[in-house]
């Protein structure tokens, strides 16, 4: 019930101390759903290294894709990278609260069979084009509200068969991650 403002019909939510742990849950869930090699996660090359620490505790192949001066993915370079090793998970950031062009990201993901992750760490809640297009959506609420911790992972109903695997992985990650809400 606490996550209702961030959810659409049929969506699920998981709370973490930081959104980085939610991202780890997405990776772990995809690894379980794929049942094969570690998932390939693509992150923009302008991304907080601290947020990758939980990921690096799991088998995952991280590729940093190039972005341009406007903080948009360099789609030509992404196409070349995908020819060698397409992503399973593609993370698009809404930098500094400005909406990213998710139509291009969605088309790229669909053409490569990847799930789209929206990083909404710089906004407190869905707004306009922010927070509605990803299969998974991450929020860092402690950055906006007077709380010591708080990250939210929204699992959209569009996440199909992998959504349940991510929800199961999220429960395991939540037990291993630093606690949230103990204060």
Protein backbone atom coordinates (compact mmCIF):
# COMPACT_ATOMS: atom_id res chain seq x y z
CA UNK A 1 0.00 0.00 0.00
CA UNK A 2 2.89 2.36 0.74
CA UNK A 3 4.08 2.08 -2.88
CA UNK A 4 0.67 2.84 -4.44
CA UNK A 5 1.67 6.28 -5.84
CA UNK A 6 4.38 4.61 -7.95
CA UNK A 7 2.33 1.66 -9.22
CA UNK A 8 0.10 1.05 -12.19
CA UNK A 9 -2.54 -1.67 -12.35
CA UNK A 10 -0.96 -5.10 -12.04
CA UNK A 11 2.47 -3.77 -11.00
CA UNK A 12 4.43 -4.98 -7.98
CA UNK A 13 6.86 -3.14 -5.72
CA UNK A 14 9.81 -4.12 -3.55
CA UNK A 15 11.48 -1.84 -0.98
CA UNK A 16 15.24 -1.73 -0.42
CA UNK A 17 17.66 0.47 1.49
CA UNK A 18 19.02 1.69 -1.86
CA UNK A 19 17.80 1.32 -5.45
CA UNK A 20 21.15 -0.32 -6.27
CA UNK A 21 19.94 -3.40 -4.38
CA UNK A 22 16.78 -3.37 -6.49
CA UNK A 23 18.96 -3.37 -9.61
CA UNK A 24 20.82 -6.39 -8.23
CA UNK A 25 17.44 -8.14 -7.76
CA UNK A 26 16.59 -7.50 -11.42
CA UNK A 27 19.93 -8.97 -12.51
CA UNK A 28 19.61 -11.98 -10.20
CA UNK A 29 16.03 -12.59 -11.32
CA UNK A 30 17.01 -12.50 -14.97
CA UNK A 31 19.86 -14.89 -14.35
CA UNK A 32 17.40 -17.33 -12.75
CA UNK A 33 14.83 -16.86 -15.54
CA UNK A 34 17.39 -17.23 -18.30
CA UNK A 35 18.96 -20.30 -16.72
CA UNK A 36 22.15 -19.90 -18.69
CA UNK A 37 25.04 -17.44 -18.89
CA UNK A 38 25.15 -14.37 -16.66
CA UNK A 39 22.82 -11.66 -17.94
CA UNK A 40 24.27 -8.82 -19.98
CA UNK A 41 23.45 -5.52 -18.33
CA UNK A 42 24.09 -2.33 -20.25
CA UNK A 43 24.65 0.83 -18.22
CA UNK A 44 25.38 4.33 -19.54
CA UNK A 45 29.04 5.28 -19.35
CA UNK A 46 28.06 8.17 -17.07
CA UNK A 47 26.79 6.19 -14.09
CA UNK A 48 27.53 6.15 -10.37
CA UNK A 49 30.12 3.50 -9.56
CA UNK A 50 28.77 3.14 -6.00
CA UNK A 51 25.50 1.89 -7.51
CA UNK A 52 27.31 -0.96 -9.25
CA UNK A 53 28.76 -2.45 -6.04
CA UNK A 54 25.80 -4.77 -5.28
CA UNK A 55 25.77 -5.87 -8.93
CA UNK A 56 29.38 -6.88 -8.82
CA UNK A 57 28.50 -9.44 -6.12
CA UNK A 58 26.56 -11.44 -8.74
CA UNK A 59 27.52 -13.08 -12.00
CA UNK A 60 26.74 -10.34 -14.54
CA UNK A 61 28.35 -8.99 -17.70
CA UNK A 62 28.32 -5.20 -17.48
CA UNK A 63 28.75 -3.14 -20.64
CA UNK A 64 28.99 0.63 -20.39
CA UNK A 65 27.39 2.12 -23.49
CA UNK A 66 28.40 5.58 -24.74
CA UNK A 67 26.20 8.64 -24.33
CA UNK A 68 26.41 11.98 -26.10
CA UNK A 69 26.72 15.53 -24.74
CA UNK A 70 22.94 15.62 -24.21
CA UNK A 71 23.16 12.48 -22.02
CA UNK A 72 21.36 10.38 -24.65
CA UNK A 73 22.61 6.96 -25.73
CA UNK A 74 24.76 6.97 -28.86
CA UNK A 75 22.47 4.60 -30.75
CA UNK A 76 24.91 3.98 -33.62
CA UNK A 77 27.60 2.90 -31.16
CA UNK A 78 25.03 0.83 -29.25
CA UNK A 79 24.12 -0.93 -32.49
CA UNK A 80 27.75 -1.84 -33.08
CA UNK A 81 28.13 -3.11 -29.50
CA UNK A 82 24.93 -5.14 -29.78
CA UNK A 83 26.17 -6.89 -32.91
CA UNK A 84 28.84 -8.57 -30.77
CA UNK A 85 26.87 -9.11 -27.54
CA UNK A 86 23.29 -7.79 -27.32
CA UNK A 87 21.94 -6.77 -23.91
CA UNK A 88 19.52 -8.75 -21.80
CA UNK A 89 18.89 -5.67 -19.64
CA UNK A 90 19.25 -2.06 -20.77
CA UNK A 91 19.24 0.73 -18.17
CA UNK A 92 18.15 4.22 -19.26
CA UNK A 93 18.69 7.09 -16.80
CA UNK A 94 16.45 10.14 -16.46
CA UNK A 95 19.37 12.42 -15.64
CA UNK A 96 18.72 15.26 -13.18
CA UNK A 97 14.94 14.87 -13.47
CA UNK A 98 14.77 15.42 -17.24
CA UNK A 99 12.84 12.77 -19.16
CA UNK A 100 14.93 10.54 -21.40
CA UNK A 101 13.71 9.63 -24.88
CA UNK A 102 12.32 6.24 -23.96
CA UNK A 103 10.78 5.53 -27.35
CA UNK A 104 14.25 4.98 -28.79
CA UNK A 105 15.30 2.90 -25.79
CA UNK A 106 12.15 0.76 -26.00
CA UNK A 107 12.69 0.17 -29.74
CA UNK A 108 16.32 -0.79 -29.12
CA UNK A 109 15.30 -3.20 -26.36
CA UNK A 110 12.58 -4.80 -28.45
CA UNK A 111 14.94 -5.27 -31.40
CA UNK A 112 17.43 -7.10 -29.15
CA UNK A 113 15.04 -8.93 -26.83
CA UNK A 114 16.16 -6.90 -23.80
CA UNK A 115 14.20 -5.67 -20.80
CA UNK A 116 14.16 -1.90 -20.24
CA UNK A 117 15.09 -0.58 -16.79
CA UNK A 118 14.25 3.04 -16.02
CA UNK A 119 16.54 4.70 -13.50
CA UNK A 120 14.40 7.40 -11.87
CA UNK A 121 16.83 8.13 -9.03
CA UNK A 122 16.69 11.86 -9.75
CA UNK A 123 12.90 12.17 -9.45
CA UNK A 124 10.68 11.39 -6.46
CA UNK A 125 7.73 9.88 -8.36
CA UNK A 126 6.41 9.13 -11.84
CA UNK A 127 5.78 12.28 -13.84
CA UNK A 128 4.91 12.65 -17.51
CA UNK A 129 7.24 10.43 -19.53
CA UNK A 130 9.22 9.41 -16.43
CA UNK A 131 8.47 6.11 -14.77
CA UNK A 132 5.95 4.62 -17.17
CA UNK A 133 7.85 2.86 -19.95
CA UNK A 134 10.30 0.52 -18.22
CA UNK A 135 9.76 -3.14 -17.48
CA UNK A 136 11.50 -2.29 -14.22
CA UNK A 137 11.67 1.15 -12.60
CA UNK A 138 14.04 2.24 -9.84
CA UNK A 139 13.54 5.18 -7.46
CA UNK A 140 15.93 6.51 -4.80
CA UNK A 141 13.51 8.10 -2.38
CA UNK A 142 16.07 8.92 0.28
CA UNK A 143 17.51 11.48 -2.15
CA UNK A 144 14.26 13.46 -2.11
CA UNK A 145 12.66 12.96 1.27
CA UNK A 146 13.96 13.40 4.83
CA UNK A 147 14.55 9.68 5.36
CA UNK A 148 17.85 7.90 5.99
CA UNK A 149 17.31 5.22 3.36
CA UNK A 150 14.77 4.05 0.83
CA UNK A 151 14.93 2.58 -2.64
CA UNK A 152 11.97 1.29 -4.60
CA UNK A 153 11.89 -1.29 -7.38
CA UNK A 154 8.71 -1.32 -9.44
CA UNK A 155 8.13 -4.51 -11.43
CA UNK A 156 5.76 -3.69 -14.27
CA UNK A 157 3.20 -6.21 -15.44
CA UNK A 158 5.02 -5.96 -18.83
CA UNK A 159 7.96 -7.85 -17.30
CA UNK A 160 6.12 -11.09 -18.28
CA UNK A 161 7.77 -14.34 -17.17
CA UNK A 162 10.85 -12.68 -15.73
CA UNK A 163 8.84 -10.48 -13.36
CA UNK A 164 8.09 -13.37 -11.00
CA UNK A 165 11.74 -14.49 -11.05
CA UNK A 166 12.79 -10.92 -10.19
CA UNK A 167 10.25 -10.76 -7.35
CA UNK A 168 11.64 -14.02 -5.94
CA UNK A 169 15.23 -12.78 -6.30
CA UNK A 170 14.22 -9.50 -4.66
CA UNK A 171 13.18 -11.35 -1.52
CA UNK A 172 16.61 -13.02 -1.36
CA UNK A 173 18.42 -9.74 -2.04
CA UNK A 174 16.33 -7.93 0.59
CA UNK A 175 17.50 -10.44 3.20
CA UNK A 176 21.16 -9.93 2.22
CA UNK A 177 21.05 -6.14 1.70
CA UNK A 178 21.30 -3.59 4.49
CA UNK A 179 17.88 -3.24 6.10
CA UNK A 180 15.45 -0.47 5.26
CA UNK A 181 13.05 1.19 7.59
CA UNK A 182 14.59 -0.01 10.86
CA UNK A 183 14.91 3.57 12.05
